[in-house]
Amino acid sequence: MLYALAIILVVLWLAGLVTSTTMGGFIHILLVIAIIVVLVRII
């Protein structure tokens, strides 16, 4: 479940970079949340 959430967040982050429609720091916050979710799952 957490991996699916992390994958979705990374895809949204990549989509934001590709389309160049960044909403401030929101796109990078998605990446940070995805990394945190993966780290919590590993730990």
N, C-alpha and C. Protein backbone atom coordinates (compact mmCIF):
# COMPACT_ATOMS: atom_id res chain seq x y z
N MET A 1 0.83 -1.20 0.00
CA MET A 1 0.00 0.00 0.00
C MET A 1 0.87 1.26 0.00
N LEU A 2 1.90 1.25 0.85
CA LEU A 2 2.76 2.43 0.92
C LEU A 2 3.59 2.57 -0.35
N TYR A 3 4.01 1.43 -0.93
CA TYR A 3 4.77 1.50 -2.17
C TYR A 3 3.92 2.07 -3.29
N ALA A 4 2.66 1.70 -3.33
CA ALA A 4 1.76 2.23 -4.36
C ALA A 4 1.62 3.74 -4.21
N LEU A 5 1.49 4.21 -2.98
CA LEU A 5 1.39 5.64 -2.72
C LEU A 5 2.68 6.35 -3.14
N ALA A 6 3.82 5.75 -2.84
CA ALA A 6 5.10 6.35 -3.21
C ALA A 6 5.24 6.42 -4.72
N ILE A 7 4.83 5.37 -5.42
CA ILE A 7 4.92 5.36 -6.88
C ILE A 7 4.03 6.44 -7.48
N ILE A 8 2.83 6.58 -6.94
CA ILE A 8 1.91 7.61 -7.43
C ILE A 8 2.50 9.00 -7.23
N LEU A 9 3.10 9.24 -6.07
CA LEU A 9 3.69 10.55 -5.79
C LEU A 9 4.87 10.84 -6.71
N VAL A 10 5.69 9.82 -6.97
CA VAL A 10 6.83 10.02 -7.87
C VAL A 10 6.34 10.30 -9.29
N VAL A 11 5.30 9.60 -9.72
CA VAL A 11 4.75 9.84 -11.06
C VAL A 11 4.19 11.26 -11.17
N LEU A 12 3.51 11.71 -10.15
CA LEU A 12 3.00 13.09 -10.16
C LEU A 12 4.14 14.09 -10.20
N TRP A 13 5.21 13.79 -9.45
CA TRP A 13 6.37 14.69 -9.45
C TRP A 13 7.00 14.75 -10.84
N LEU A 14 7.18 13.58 -11.47
CA LEU A 14 7.76 13.54 -12.82
C LEU A 14 6.86 14.25 -13.83
N ALA A 15 5.55 14.07 -13.69
CA ALA A 15 4.62 14.74 -14.59
C ALA A 15 4.73 16.25 -14.44
N GLY A 16 4.93 16.71 -13.23
CA GLY A 16 5.09 18.14 -12.99
C GLY A 16 6.37 18.68 -13.61
N LEU A 17 7.43 17.88 -13.59
CA LEU A 17 8.69 18.32 -14.20
C LEU A 17 8.59 18.32 -15.72
N VAL A 18 7.95 17.30 -16.27
CA VAL A 18 7.86 17.18 -17.73
C VAL A 18 7.00 18.29 -18.32
N THR A 19 5.89 18.58 -17.68
CA THR A 19 4.98 19.59 -18.22
C THR A 19 5.40 21.00 -17.85
N SER A 20 6.37 21.13 -16.98
CA SER A 20 6.90 22.43 -16.55
C SER A 20 5.83 23.32 -15.93
N THR A 21 4.82 22.70 -15.38
CA THR A 21 3.81 23.48 -14.66
C THR A 21 3.99 23.22 -13.18
N THR A 22 5.04 23.78 -12.63
CA THR A 22 5.31 23.57 -11.22
C THR A 22 4.47 24.54 -10.40
N MET A 23 3.90 24.02 -9.36
CA MET A 23 3.07 24.84 -8.47
C MET A 23 3.89 25.22 -7.25
N GLY A 24 4.91 26.00 -7.49
CA GLY A 24 5.78 26.39 -6.39
C GLY A 24 6.60 25.20 -5.93
N GLY A 25 6.66 24.99 -4.62
CA GLY A 25 7.41 23.88 -4.07
C GLY A 25 6.59 22.62 -3.94
N PHE A 26 5.34 22.65 -4.39
CA PHE A 26 4.44 21.51 -4.20
C PHE A 26 4.97 20.26 -4.87
N ILE A 27 5.52 20.41 -6.07
CA ILE A 27 6.02 19.25 -6.82
C ILE A 27 7.18 18.60 -6.07
N HIS A 28 8.06 19.40 -5.50
CA HIS A 28 9.20 18.84 -4.78
C HIS A 28 8.77 18.27 -3.42
N ILE A 29 7.72 18.82 -2.84
CA ILE A 29 7.18 18.26 -1.60
C ILE A 29 6.65 16.86 -1.87
N LEU A 30 6.04 16.63 -3.03
CA LEU A 30 5.56 15.30 -3.38
C LEU A 30 6.71 14.30 -3.41
N LEU A 31 7.84 14.70 -3.97
CA LEU A 31 9.00 13.81 -4.03
C LEU A 31 9.51 13.50 -2.63
N VAL A 32 9.59 14.49 -1.78
CA VAL A 32 10.06 14.28 -0.42
C VAL A 32 9.13 13.34 0.34
N ILE A 33 7.83 13.51 0.17
CA ILE A 33 6.85 12.63 0.83
C ILE A 33 7.01 11.20 0.33
N ALA A 34 7.22 11.04 -0.97
CA ALA A 34 7.40 9.70 -1.53
C ALA A 34 8.64 9.03 -0.95
N ILE A 35 9.72 9.75 -0.82
CA ILE A 35 10.95 9.19 -0.25
C ILE A 35 10.74 8.82 1.20
N ILE A 36 10.05 9.65 1.95
CA ILE A 36 9.77 9.37 3.36
C ILE A 36 8.92 8.12 3.50
N VAL A 37 7.91 7.97 2.63
CA VAL A 37 7.06 6.78 2.68
C VAL A 37 7.87 5.52 2.43
N VAL A 38 8.77 5.56 1.45
CA VAL A 38 9.60 4.39 1.15
C VAL A 38 10.53 4.09 2.34
N LEU A 39 11.12 5.12 2.93
CA LEU A 39 12.00 4.89 4.06
C LEU A 39 11.27 4.33 5.26
N VAL A 40 10.06 4.80 5.51
CA VAL A 40 9.26 4.27 6.62
C VAL A 40 8.93 2.81 6.36
N ARG A 41 8.65 2.46 5.12
CA ARG A 41 8.34 1.08 4.77
C ARG A 41 9.56 0.18 4.99
N ILE A 42 10.75 0.67 4.63
CA ILE A 42 11.97 -0.11 4.80
C ILE A 42 12.29 -0.31 6.27
N ILE A 43 12.15 0.74 7.05
CA ILE A 43 12.45 0.68 8.48
C ILE A 43 11.37 -0.09 9.19
